[in-house]
Every structure is written in C-alpha cells, then in structure tokens.
Protein backbone atom coordinates (compact mmCIF):
# COMPACT_ATOMS: atom_id res chain seq x y z
CA MET A 1 -41.81 107.41 -22.61
CA THR A 2 -39.38 109.38 -20.21
CA THR A 3 -37.45 107.69 -17.49
CA THR A 4 -36.93 109.86 -14.27
CA VAL A 5 -32.87 108.84 -13.18
CA ILE A 6 -32.84 111.53 -10.04
CA GLU A 7 -35.36 112.22 -7.69
CA VAL A 8 -34.57 114.32 -4.67
CA LYS A 9 -37.66 114.27 -2.25
CA GLU A 10 -37.59 117.03 0.91
CA LEU A 11 -33.88 117.16 1.20
CA THR A 12 -32.48 119.13 4.06
CA LYS A 13 -29.10 120.22 5.20
CA ILE A 14 -28.37 122.28 8.02
CA TYR A 15 -25.40 123.96 9.16
CA ASN A 16 -25.25 125.20 12.20
CA ASP A 17 -28.81 126.10 12.65
CA VAL A 18 -28.73 127.21 8.66
CA ASN A 19 -30.86 126.16 6.39
CA ALA A 20 -28.07 125.73 3.71
CA VAL A 21 -30.53 123.51 2.30
CA ASP A 22 -34.34 123.72 2.97
CA GLY A 23 -37.07 120.82 2.01
CA ILE A 24 -36.37 120.83 -1.77
CA ASP A 25 -37.99 118.55 -4.62
CA PHE A 26 -37.40 117.54 -7.91
CA THR A 27 -36.69 114.88 -10.41
CA ILE A 28 -34.49 114.37 -13.24
CA GLU A 29 -35.45 112.91 -16.50
CA LYS A 30 -33.21 110.74 -18.71
CA GLY A 31 -31.18 112.92 -21.48
CA GLN A 32 -32.03 116.08 -20.34
CA CYS A 33 -30.06 119.08 -18.90
CA PHE A 34 -31.04 119.75 -16.06
CA GLY A 35 -29.82 123.49 -14.19
CA LEU A 36 -29.87 124.54 -11.01
CA LEU A 37 -29.82 128.26 -10.56
CA GLY A 38 -28.98 130.91 -8.40
CA PRO A 39 -26.75 132.98 -6.73
CA ASN A 40 -23.62 132.20 -4.50
CA GLY A 41 -24.91 131.27 -1.26
CA ALA A 42 -28.52 129.70 -2.91
CA GLY A 43 -27.75 125.99 -1.80
CA LYS A 44 -26.56 124.69 -5.59
CA THR A 45 -23.07 123.23 -4.87
CA THR A 46 -24.58 121.85 -1.11
CA THR A 47 -27.45 120.17 -3.40
CA ILE A 48 -25.28 118.94 -5.97
CA GLU A 49 -23.07 117.66 -3.50
CA ILE A 50 -25.44 115.42 -1.51
CA MET A 51 -26.66 114.59 -4.75
CA GLU A 52 -23.10 113.25 -5.64
CA GLY A 53 -22.94 111.46 -2.11
CA ILE A 54 -19.87 113.45 -1.17
CA ILE A 55 -21.51 114.53 1.92
CA GLN A 56 -24.89 113.46 3.60
CA PRO A 57 -28.41 115.32 4.07
CA SER A 58 -30.23 116.02 7.29
CA SER A 59 -33.17 115.01 6.07
CA GLY A 60 -34.93 113.55 2.99
CA PHE A 61 -33.28 111.69 0.07
CA VAL A 62 -31.69 110.97 -3.25
CA GLU A 63 -32.62 108.18 -5.44
CA TYR A 64 -30.88 106.86 -8.53
CA TYR A 65 -33.46 105.04 -10.82
CA GLY A 66 -35.78 104.16 -7.96
CA LYS A 67 -32.74 103.10 -5.57
CA PRO A 68 -31.05 105.18 -2.99
CA ILE A 69 -27.64 106.34 -3.25
CA HIS A 70 -25.09 103.62 -2.87
CA ALA A 71 -21.06 103.02 -2.82
CA ASP A 72 -20.70 102.12 -6.53
CA ILE A 73 -22.21 105.28 -7.61
CA SER A 74 -18.90 107.46 -7.94
CA GLN A 75 -18.10 104.61 -11.00
CA GLN A 76 -21.54 105.44 -12.73
CA ILE A 77 -21.44 109.30 -12.79
CA GLY A 78 -19.00 112.63 -14.13
CA ILE A 79 -18.13 114.70 -11.75
CA GLN A 80 -16.12 118.16 -12.79
CA PHE A 81 -16.14 120.13 -9.90
CA GLN A 82 -16.10 123.95 -9.19
CA ASN A 83 -12.70 123.61 -8.03
CA THR A 84 -10.21 121.26 -9.17
CA ALA A 85 -6.51 120.76 -8.24
CA LEU A 86 -4.55 119.41 -11.34
CA GLN A 87 -1.17 117.50 -10.40
CA ASP A 88 1.76 119.96 -11.23
CA PHE A 89 4.04 119.02 -14.07
CA LEU A 90 2.11 116.31 -15.77
CA THR A 91 1.19 116.71 -19.09
CA VAL A 92 -2.80 116.75 -20.66
CA LYS A 93 -2.42 113.33 -21.67
CA GLU A 94 -0.45 112.62 -18.72
CA THR A 95 -3.36 113.24 -16.53
CA LEU A 96 -5.84 111.64 -18.50
CA ASP A 97 -3.62 108.16 -17.94
CA LEU A 98 -3.71 108.71 -14.89
CA PHE A 99 -7.62 109.14 -14.06
CA THR A 100 -8.29 106.36 -16.44
CA ALA A 101 -6.61 104.35 -13.77
CA PHE A 102 -9.16 105.24 -10.89
CA TYR A 103 -12.02 103.51 -12.79
CA GLN A 104 -13.25 99.77 -14.08
CA HIS A 105 -14.49 101.16 -17.10
CA THR A 106 -13.41 104.24 -19.63
CA LEU A 107 -13.93 106.02 -23.03
CA SER A 108 -10.85 105.68 -24.92
CA HIS A 109 -8.14 108.75 -24.78
CA GLU A 110 -9.25 109.26 -29.03
CA GLN A 111 -13.15 109.65 -28.00
CA LEU A 112 -12.07 111.78 -25.17
CA ILE A 113 -9.95 114.33 -27.23
CA GLU A 114 -12.30 114.27 -29.61
CA LEU A 115 -15.49 114.69 -27.53
CA CYS A 116 -13.69 117.50 -25.46
CA ASP A 117 -11.56 119.37 -28.39
CA LEU A 118 -7.74 118.60 -26.31
CA GLY A 119 -6.36 117.50 -29.37
CA ASP A 120 -3.86 121.26 -29.86
CA PHE A 121 -2.91 120.58 -26.48
CA LEU A 122 -2.47 116.99 -25.36
CA ASP A 123 1.09 117.22 -24.76
CA ARG A 124 1.04 120.61 -22.34
CA ASP A 125 2.02 120.79 -18.58
CA ASN A 126 -0.99 121.41 -16.94
CA ARG A 127 0.08 124.65 -15.27
CA LEU A 128 0.26 126.01 -18.76
CA LEU A 129 -3.29 125.72 -19.72
CA SER A 130 -5.88 128.73 -20.58
CA GLY A 131 -8.69 128.77 -18.51
CA GLY A 132 -10.63 127.38 -21.31
CA GLN A 133 -8.01 124.36 -21.98
CA ARG A 134 -8.32 123.54 -18.18
CA GLN A 135 -12.12 123.59 -17.99
CA ARG A 136 -12.15 121.26 -21.32
CA LEU A 137 -9.66 118.88 -19.54
CA LEU A 138 -11.65 118.91 -16.96
CA LEU A 139 -14.79 117.90 -18.61
CA ALA A 140 -13.09 115.06 -19.87
CA LEU A 141 -12.32 113.42 -17.01
CA ALA A 142 -15.59 114.04 -15.85
CA LEU A 143 -16.33 112.03 -18.72
CA ILE A 144 -13.48 109.39 -18.49
CA ASN A 145 -15.81 106.52 -17.00
CA ASP A 146 -18.46 106.97 -19.56
CA PRO A 147 -20.71 108.22 -16.82
CA GLU A 148 -24.37 108.42 -17.79
CA ILE A 149 -24.80 111.16 -15.07
CA VAL A 150 -22.59 114.20 -16.03
CA PHE A 151 -22.67 117.00 -12.73
CA LEU A 152 -21.00 120.20 -13.95
CA ASP A 153 -21.01 122.70 -11.35
CA GLU A 154 -20.57 125.88 -12.23
CA PRO A 155 -18.10 125.01 -15.06
CA THR A 156 -17.63 128.19 -16.65
CA THR A 157 -16.75 130.71 -13.89
CA GLY A 158 -14.08 133.04 -14.75
CA LEU A 159 -14.19 132.15 -18.88
CA ASP A 160 -13.94 134.55 -21.12
CA PRO A 161 -17.29 134.90 -23.44
CA GLN A 162 -15.82 132.85 -26.29
CA ALA A 163 -14.41 130.37 -24.07
CA ARG A 164 -17.90 130.13 -22.39
CA ARG A 165 -19.81 129.62 -25.89
CA ASN A 166 -17.07 127.02 -26.96
CA PHE A 167 -17.38 125.38 -23.51
CA TRP A 168 -21.35 125.56 -24.05
CA LYS A 169 -20.76 123.35 -27.79
CA LEU A 170 -19.09 120.98 -25.70
CA ILE A 171 -21.90 120.40 -23.16
CA LYS A 172 -24.42 120.21 -26.12
CA ASN A 173 -22.12 117.51 -27.48
CA ILE A 174 -22.65 115.72 -24.41
CA LYS A 175 -26.24 115.69 -24.22
CA ALA A 176 -26.20 114.54 -27.86
CA ARG A 177 -24.85 111.39 -26.93
CA ASN A 178 -28.10 110.95 -24.94
CA LYS A 179 -26.17 111.54 -21.30
CA THR A 180 -28.02 113.52 -18.58
CA VAL A 181 -26.49 116.35 -17.48
CA VAL A 182 -26.34 118.32 -13.88
CA LEU A 183 -25.81 121.98 -14.34
CA THR A 184 -25.27 124.74 -11.80
CA THR A 185 -24.37 128.28 -12.50
CA HIS A 186 -25.15 132.16 -11.74
CA TYR A 187 -25.20 132.44 -15.78
CA MET A 188 -28.92 132.90 -17.02
CA ASP A 189 -27.81 133.31 -20.52
CA GLU A 190 -26.22 129.81 -19.78
CA ALA A 191 -29.60 128.31 -18.75
CA GLU A 192 -31.41 129.56 -21.17
CA GLN A 193 -29.10 127.89 -24.10
CA LEU A 194 -28.55 124.73 -22.44
CA CYS A 195 -30.91 123.56 -19.93
CA ASP A 196 -34.52 121.93 -20.75
CA GLU A 197 -35.63 122.43 -17.11
CA VAL A 198 -34.32 124.21 -14.50
CA VAL A 199 -35.15 124.92 -10.73
CA ILE A 200 -34.08 128.52 -9.22
CA MET A 201 -32.87 128.43 -5.88
CA ASP A 202 -32.82 131.13 -3.54
CA LYS A 203 -31.44 130.87 0.32
CA GLY A 204 -32.24 127.07 0.39
CA LYS A 205 -35.49 126.94 -1.45
CA ILE A 206 -36.71 126.52 -5.04
CA ILE A 207 -38.83 129.29 -5.83
CA GLU A 208 -39.64 128.18 -9.29
CA SER A 209 -39.21 125.57 -11.42
CA GLY A 210 -39.94 124.34 -15.50
CA THR A 211 -38.90 124.87 -18.80
CA PRO A 212 -36.96 128.63 -19.54
CA HIS A 213 -39.54 129.21 -21.85
CA HIS A 214 -42.21 128.47 -19.91
CA LEU A 215 -41.07 130.13 -17.09
CA LEU A 216 -40.67 133.70 -19.33
CA ASP A 217 -44.27 132.97 -20.77
CA LYS A 218 -45.36 132.70 -17.24
CA HIS A 219 -43.91 135.65 -15.45
CA PHE A 220 -43.66 138.08 -18.72
CA SER A 221 -45.76 138.88 -21.14
CA ASP A 222 -44.09 142.66 -21.68
CA VAL A 223 -40.80 143.77 -23.76
CA PHE A 224 -38.31 146.31 -22.76
CA ILE A 225 -37.10 149.15 -25.14
CA TYR A 226 -33.74 151.23 -23.81
CA LEU A 227 -32.82 154.29 -25.50
CA PRO A 228 -30.38 157.10 -24.52
CA LEU A 229 -32.10 159.56 -21.48
CA VAL A 230 -30.51 162.49 -23.27
CA GLN A 231 -33.04 161.43 -26.35
CA VAL A 232 -35.92 161.66 -24.65
CA LYS A 233 -37.72 164.89 -22.79
CA ALA A 234 -38.53 164.88 -19.57
CA ASP A 235 -42.25 165.61 -19.70
CA LEU A 236 -42.58 162.74 -21.97
CA ILE A 237 -40.79 160.36 -19.33
CA GLU A 238 -42.96 161.54 -16.73
CA LYS A 239 -46.12 161.74 -19.00
CA HIS A 240 -45.80 157.61 -19.83
CA GLN A 241 -44.12 156.70 -16.02
CA TRP A 242 -41.06 155.61 -17.90
CA GLN A 243 -38.41 153.78 -15.89
CA VAL A 244 -34.91 156.29 -15.43
CA ILE A 245 -32.18 153.54 -15.51
CA GLY A 246 -28.60 155.33 -15.21
CA GLU A 247 -28.22 157.01 -18.53
CA ARG A 248 -30.98 154.49 -20.45
CA VAL A 249 -34.97 155.28 -20.15
CA GLU A 250 -36.21 151.49 -20.05
CA ILE A 251 -39.69 151.52 -21.49
CA THR A 252 -41.98 148.09 -20.52
CA THR A 253 -44.64 147.64 -23.19
CA THR A 254 -46.82 144.56 -24.62
CA GLN A 255 -47.16 147.10 -28.32
CA VAL A 256 -43.56 147.21 -29.60
CA GLU A 257 -45.04 148.50 -32.68
CA SER A 258 -47.34 150.90 -31.12
CA THR A 259 -44.68 152.06 -28.79
CA LEU A 260 -41.93 152.91 -31.76
CA ALA A 261 -44.91 154.66 -34.08
CA LEU A 262 -45.80 157.02 -30.52
CA LEU A 263 -41.57 157.84 -30.13
CA MET A 264 -41.77 158.98 -33.95
CA GLN A 265 -44.71 161.27 -33.56
CA GLU A 266 -42.88 162.57 -30.54
CA GLN A 267 -39.68 163.16 -32.70
CA VAL A 268 -37.34 161.03 -30.03
CA SER A 269 -33.94 160.22 -32.04
CA LEU A 270 -34.06 156.18 -32.22
CA GLU A 271 -30.59 155.86 -33.03
CA GLY A 272 -28.80 153.49 -29.89
CA LEU A 273 -32.39 152.01 -29.55
CA HIS A 274 -32.38 148.40 -27.92
CA VAL A 275 -35.11 146.05 -28.00
CA LYS A 276 -35.25 142.89 -25.36
CA SER A 277 -37.80 140.14 -24.43
CA ALA A 278 -37.32 139.15 -20.58
CA ASN A 279 -35.00 136.58 -19.75
CA LEU A 280 -34.08 134.36 -17.00
CA ASP A 281 -32.33 137.17 -14.94
CA ASP A 282 -35.52 139.71 -15.12
CA LEU A 283 -36.85 136.71 -13.82
CA PHE A 284 -35.27 135.85 -10.88
CA LEU A 285 -35.11 139.66 -10.20
CA LYS A 286 -39.01 140.05 -10.49
CA LEU A 287 -39.12 136.58 -7.95
CA THR A 288 -36.85 137.54 -5.46
CA GLY A 289 -36.15 141.51 -5.69
CA HIS A 290 -32.45 141.58 -5.77
CA SER A 291 -30.12 140.89 -9.18
CA LEU A 292 -28.66 137.24 -9.30
CA ARG A 293 -25.33 138.89 -8.92
CA GLU A 294 -25.44 140.54 -5.78
C-alpha cells in the first residue's frame, strides 16, 4: 500500500504577469525519488521553493500527509539548495557542529560522515573543498535533521562526470533508507538513473509525467543507428531518407538486425557505428521541439 507524502494541486505562481508555475498537479509517494525535469526557466525551482514553504503560491496548494504546509515544516524536511554559501574559515566538522544546533533532532555526525562519505576531508576548510566534496557536505547538511523528505535542487550542476556518478550513489543510499527524495535536474540521464517517477516541465506547465520507462515506451518504438557520414553514399542516404546530423548519418529503425544486414549488403563500413535507444532528452525534444539545454 502506497502512502501519499506530498500533494500539489492547481499550483500557480505569477511574477509580473508571467506564469512561472501555471496550474500544475502531482502527487509524491513515500520512498520515491521524484523528479522535476526541464530546462532553466521551466519553473522547477519556483515549484520546489513553494513546496519547501519558502515562497507563497499565487493560487493552489501543497499538502504534506493531507495537511497544509505549517510553520514547523523546516524541522521535518531537508533541503539542498541550488546555490548555498558556506561559512568561510570553518572546517567541514565545524560546519556540521554549527548546523546541528539549528534542529531539535539530528543524526549523529558518525552517521552523516558514513552516509555522505565525508571522512577524508573532515578537517578541511570549506574554502578548499572540491566541487564534489562541497556537494557531499551540502547533502549532509540537508540530512542533518534526519528528514523524511529531502529536496535536492540541481545538486550535480557543475560537477565532472565522475563526481556526478559518485553523488548518484549517495542519493541511492538515501533512498534505500526509505526516505522520499524530490529532485530537480536538467540532466535527463540523472533522472533515468535515479527517479521512480518524473514530471517534465516547460514554460511553467507539466507537459508529461510518469515513470521514465513508461514515458519512453509510450513515445518511442524506434532505435537510432549512427554512422560517420563519409562511410555512407549520398544516394543511399537519399533513397532511405536517412537524416544527416553534422558529420553523422542518423538511421531511425524498429528493426536493428535487418537494418544492419542492409548496410552490409550495401557494403557500408560499420566502423564507428553507434546504436542508441531513445532517452529522456529525445523525449523532451519530441514534446517541445527544442533541446533541453537551449
């Protein structure tokens, strides 16, 4: 039996006649990693700040376990903001001590150090942390009050690929503790790795929602095959109406084996061939007509 943790109903936020959030609805179940996806300016951060009780909606409501947001909500949720300033001249350990004083109930430092993998840099000044170390400390601060619901707003922006993947492991560890995670991101691979349920936002509206697997099955049956352009004759491209994208030929097909057999029959070199299933980036492009990062 699922338990609804958060319900968002007809949520709207208007700034100077601009609908930053435009009448959106969704529910979040206990233990889910729930993703709010979309490009910068889609309304993700505004939505999450209303859910956190930081700003008030123009209309609509957010409920936790069937009750409106109340003054004590800050004691019950954890937040990793998109931009957070850490106090200079404090070490990581001293920062944990400082934030522990803000809450009535907290996890032990030992638990936070293990959960967020802080052990190697506990005595390091905040100013000297790498990007990945800084994000791990900020995650620990979001978890310091042992919240049932953790909000992560673009937590891996600016991290290198390895640091991003390390951070994903930490989020999976949190979810394994039956915590509910609300994640905003414009990295669709991140959402596919972490999220049980997603809503895709654009220009303040929800344009699609569901599990990543369900959404891809709903919108795509094709597989994409890519080959270097120099290896495919122009008349073959024209005959089959294949797409040319930069220096590559894109072949869209539902029959990979027969397409590869055709290429070999036409004596096309398969060196550099790449086969790719559709992902959430492809879905966003299909739904909106523009790239996620435009």
